[in-house]
Amino acid sequence: MWYDELHMTKLLEHAIEKIKGLPAEKQDDAAQMLINISEEDQSPYILTDEERVDVKAALKEIERGEFATEKEMTTLWKKCGL
């Protein structure tokens, strides 16, 4: 195939091999997702002032060892439907 000649990471090669086994409609969905990702703006994301404040606060929480408990995370995932 034409993409075999291109440089790909091992993970991408593995993903393509798995996708080959899917029905044509699913293959098209996967292909469209890859195209969308490749066409996204690749410029670095610039944090807003508010996001910068949030990140600094989160880093300080990490330094203090303040992490969510397993129970808190389970509750959050359930709330998000995951």
C-alpha atoms as a PDB file:
ATOM      1  CA  MET A   1       0.000   0.000   0.000  1.00  0.00           C
ATOM      2  CA  TRP A   2       1.116   3.569  -0.587  1.00  0.00           C
ATOM      3  CA  TYR A   3       1.353   4.419   3.127  1.00  0.00           C
ATOM      4  CA  ASP A   4       3.764   1.540   3.803  1.00  0.00           C
ATOM      5  CA  GLU A   5       6.453   3.585   2.081  1.00  0.00           C
ATOM      6  CA  LEU A   6       5.944   6.565   4.398  1.00  0.00           C
ATOM      7  CA  HIS A   7       7.615   6.968   7.771  1.00  0.00           C
ATOM      8  CA  MET A   8       5.157   6.104  10.527  1.00  0.00           C
ATOM      9  CA  THR A   9       5.514   5.440  14.217  1.00  0.00           C
ATOM     10  CA  LYS A  10       5.038   1.852  15.342  1.00  0.00           C
ATOM     11  CA  LEU A  11       1.830   2.853  17.126  1.00  0.00           C
ATOM     12  CA  LEU A  12       0.380   4.387  13.952  1.00  0.00           C
ATOM     13  CA  GLU A  13       1.363   1.296  11.974  1.00  0.00           C
ATOM     14  CA  HIS A  14      -0.368  -0.873  14.583  1.00  0.00           C
ATOM     15  CA  ALA A  15      -3.494   1.298  14.496  1.00  0.00           C
ATOM     16  CA  ILE A  16      -3.700   1.112  10.701  1.00  0.00           C
ATOM     17  CA  GLU A  17      -3.340  -2.669  10.787  1.00  0.00           C
ATOM     18  CA  LYS A  18      -6.218  -2.883  13.282  1.00  0.00           C
ATOM     19  CA  ILE A  19      -8.360  -0.486  11.234  1.00  0.00           C
ATOM     20  CA  LYS A  20      -7.852  -2.630   8.105  1.00  0.00           C
ATOM     21  CA  GLY A  21      -9.936  -5.322   9.802  1.00  0.00           C
ATOM     22  CA  LEU A  22     -12.918  -3.040  10.373  1.00  0.00           C
ATOM     23  CA  PRO A  23     -15.953  -2.749   8.083  1.00  0.00           C
ATOM     24  CA  ALA A  24     -15.568  -0.167   5.283  1.00  0.00           C
ATOM     25  CA  GLU A  25     -17.777   2.405   7.033  1.00  0.00           C
ATOM     26  CA  LYS A  26     -15.659   2.239  10.203  1.00  0.00           C
ATOM     27  CA  GLN A  27     -12.483   2.481   8.114  1.00  0.00           C
ATOM     28  CA  ASP A  28     -13.848   5.648   6.510  1.00  0.00           C
ATOM     29  CA  ASP A  29     -14.684   7.085   9.959  1.00  0.00           C
ATOM     30  CA  ALA A  30     -11.153   6.389  11.171  1.00  0.00           C
ATOM     31  CA  ALA A  31      -9.655   7.878   8.010  1.00  0.00           C
ATOM     32  CA  GLN A  32     -11.747  11.032   8.379  1.00  0.00           C
ATOM     33  CA  MET A  33     -10.642  11.402  11.999  1.00  0.00           C
ATOM     34  CA  LEU A  34      -6.983  11.148  10.941  1.00  0.00           C
ATOM     35  CA  ILE A  35      -7.534  13.703   8.182  1.00  0.00           C
ATOM     36  CA  ASN A  36      -9.222  16.075  10.637  1.00  0.00           C
ATOM     37  CA  ILE A  37      -6.329  15.730  13.091  1.00  0.00           C
ATOM     38  CA  SER A  38      -3.747  16.339  10.353  1.00  0.00           C
ATOM     39  CA  GLU A  39      -5.541  19.493   9.222  1.00  0.00           C
ATOM     40  CA  GLU A  40      -5.869  21.033  12.684  1.00  0.00           C
ATOM     41  CA  ASP A  41      -3.913  24.141  13.500  1.00  0.00           C
ATOM     42  CA  GLN A  42      -0.509  22.915  14.679  1.00  0.00           C
ATOM     43  CA  SER A  43       0.630  26.202  16.185  1.00  0.00           C
ATOM     44  CA  PRO A  44       1.363  26.214  19.911  1.00  0.00           C
ATOM     45  CA  TYR A  45      -1.597  26.864  22.177  1.00  0.00           C
ATOM     46  CA  ILE A  46      -1.322  30.185  24.024  1.00  0.00           C
ATOM     47  CA  LEU A  47      -2.790  30.133  27.515  1.00  0.00           C
ATOM     48  CA  THR A  48      -5.093  32.917  28.566  1.00  0.00           C
ATOM     49  CA  ASP A  49      -4.234  34.813  31.741  1.00  0.00           C
ATOM     50  CA  GLU A  50      -7.002  32.909  33.542  1.00  0.00           C
ATOM     51  CA  GLU A  51      -5.674  29.538  32.325  1.00  0.00           C
ATOM     52  CA  ARG A  52      -2.153  30.506  33.371  1.00  0.00           C
ATOM     53  CA  VAL A  53      -3.421  31.286  36.903  1.00  0.00           C
ATOM     54  CA  ASP A  54      -5.277  27.938  36.998  1.00  0.00           C
ATOM     55  CA  VAL A  55      -2.186  26.007  35.888  1.00  0.00           C
ATOM     56  CA  LYS A  56       0.007  27.706  38.492  1.00  0.00           C
ATOM     57  CA  ALA A  57      -2.562  26.902  41.196  1.00  0.00           C
ATOM     58  CA  ALA A  58      -2.729  23.269  40.066  1.00  0.00           C
ATOM     59  CA  LEU A  59       1.078  22.953  40.107  1.00  0.00           C
ATOM     60  CA  LYS A  60       1.144  24.290  43.675  1.00  0.00           C
ATOM     61  CA  GLU A  61      -1.503  21.718  44.677  1.00  0.00           C
ATOM     62  CA  ILE A  62       0.674  18.986  43.169  1.00  0.00           C
ATOM     63  CA  GLU A  63       3.730  20.254  45.068  1.00  0.00           C
ATOM     64  CA  ARG A  64       1.698  20.030  48.296  1.00  0.00           C
ATOM     65  CA  GLY A  65       0.602  16.479  47.416  1.00  0.00           C
ATOM     66  CA  GLU A  66      -3.038  17.454  47.054  1.00  0.00           C
ATOM     67  CA  PHE A  67      -4.613  14.894  44.758  1.00  0.00           C
ATOM     68  CA  ALA A  68      -8.173  13.671  44.309  1.00  0.00           C
ATOM     69  CA  THR A  69      -8.983  10.456  46.127  1.00  0.00           C
ATOM     70  CA  GLU A  70      -9.994   7.300  44.263  1.00  0.00           C
ATOM     71  CA  LYS A  71     -13.566   7.835  45.497  1.00  0.00           C
ATOM     72  CA  GLU A  72     -13.635  11.435  44.230  1.00  0.00           C
ATOM     73  CA  MET A  73     -12.371  10.337  40.820  1.00  0.00           C
ATOM     74  CA  THR A  74     -14.919   7.505  40.604  1.00  0.00           C
ATOM     75  CA  THR A  75     -17.690   9.980  41.398  1.00  0.00           C
ATOM     76  CA  LEU A  76     -16.397  12.394  38.750  1.00  0.00           C
ATOM     77  CA  TRP A  77     -16.165   9.685  36.068  1.00  0.00           C
ATOM     78  CA  LYS A  78     -19.707   8.523  36.839  1.00  0.00           C
ATOM     79  CA  LYS A  79     -20.945  12.106  36.645  1.00  0.00           C
ATOM     80  CA  CYS A  80     -19.289  12.411  33.206  1.00  0.00           C
ATOM     81  CA  GLY A  81     -20.893   9.156  32.100  1.00  0.00           C
ATOM     82  CA  LEU A  82     -17.615   7.256  31.955  1.00  0.00           C
END
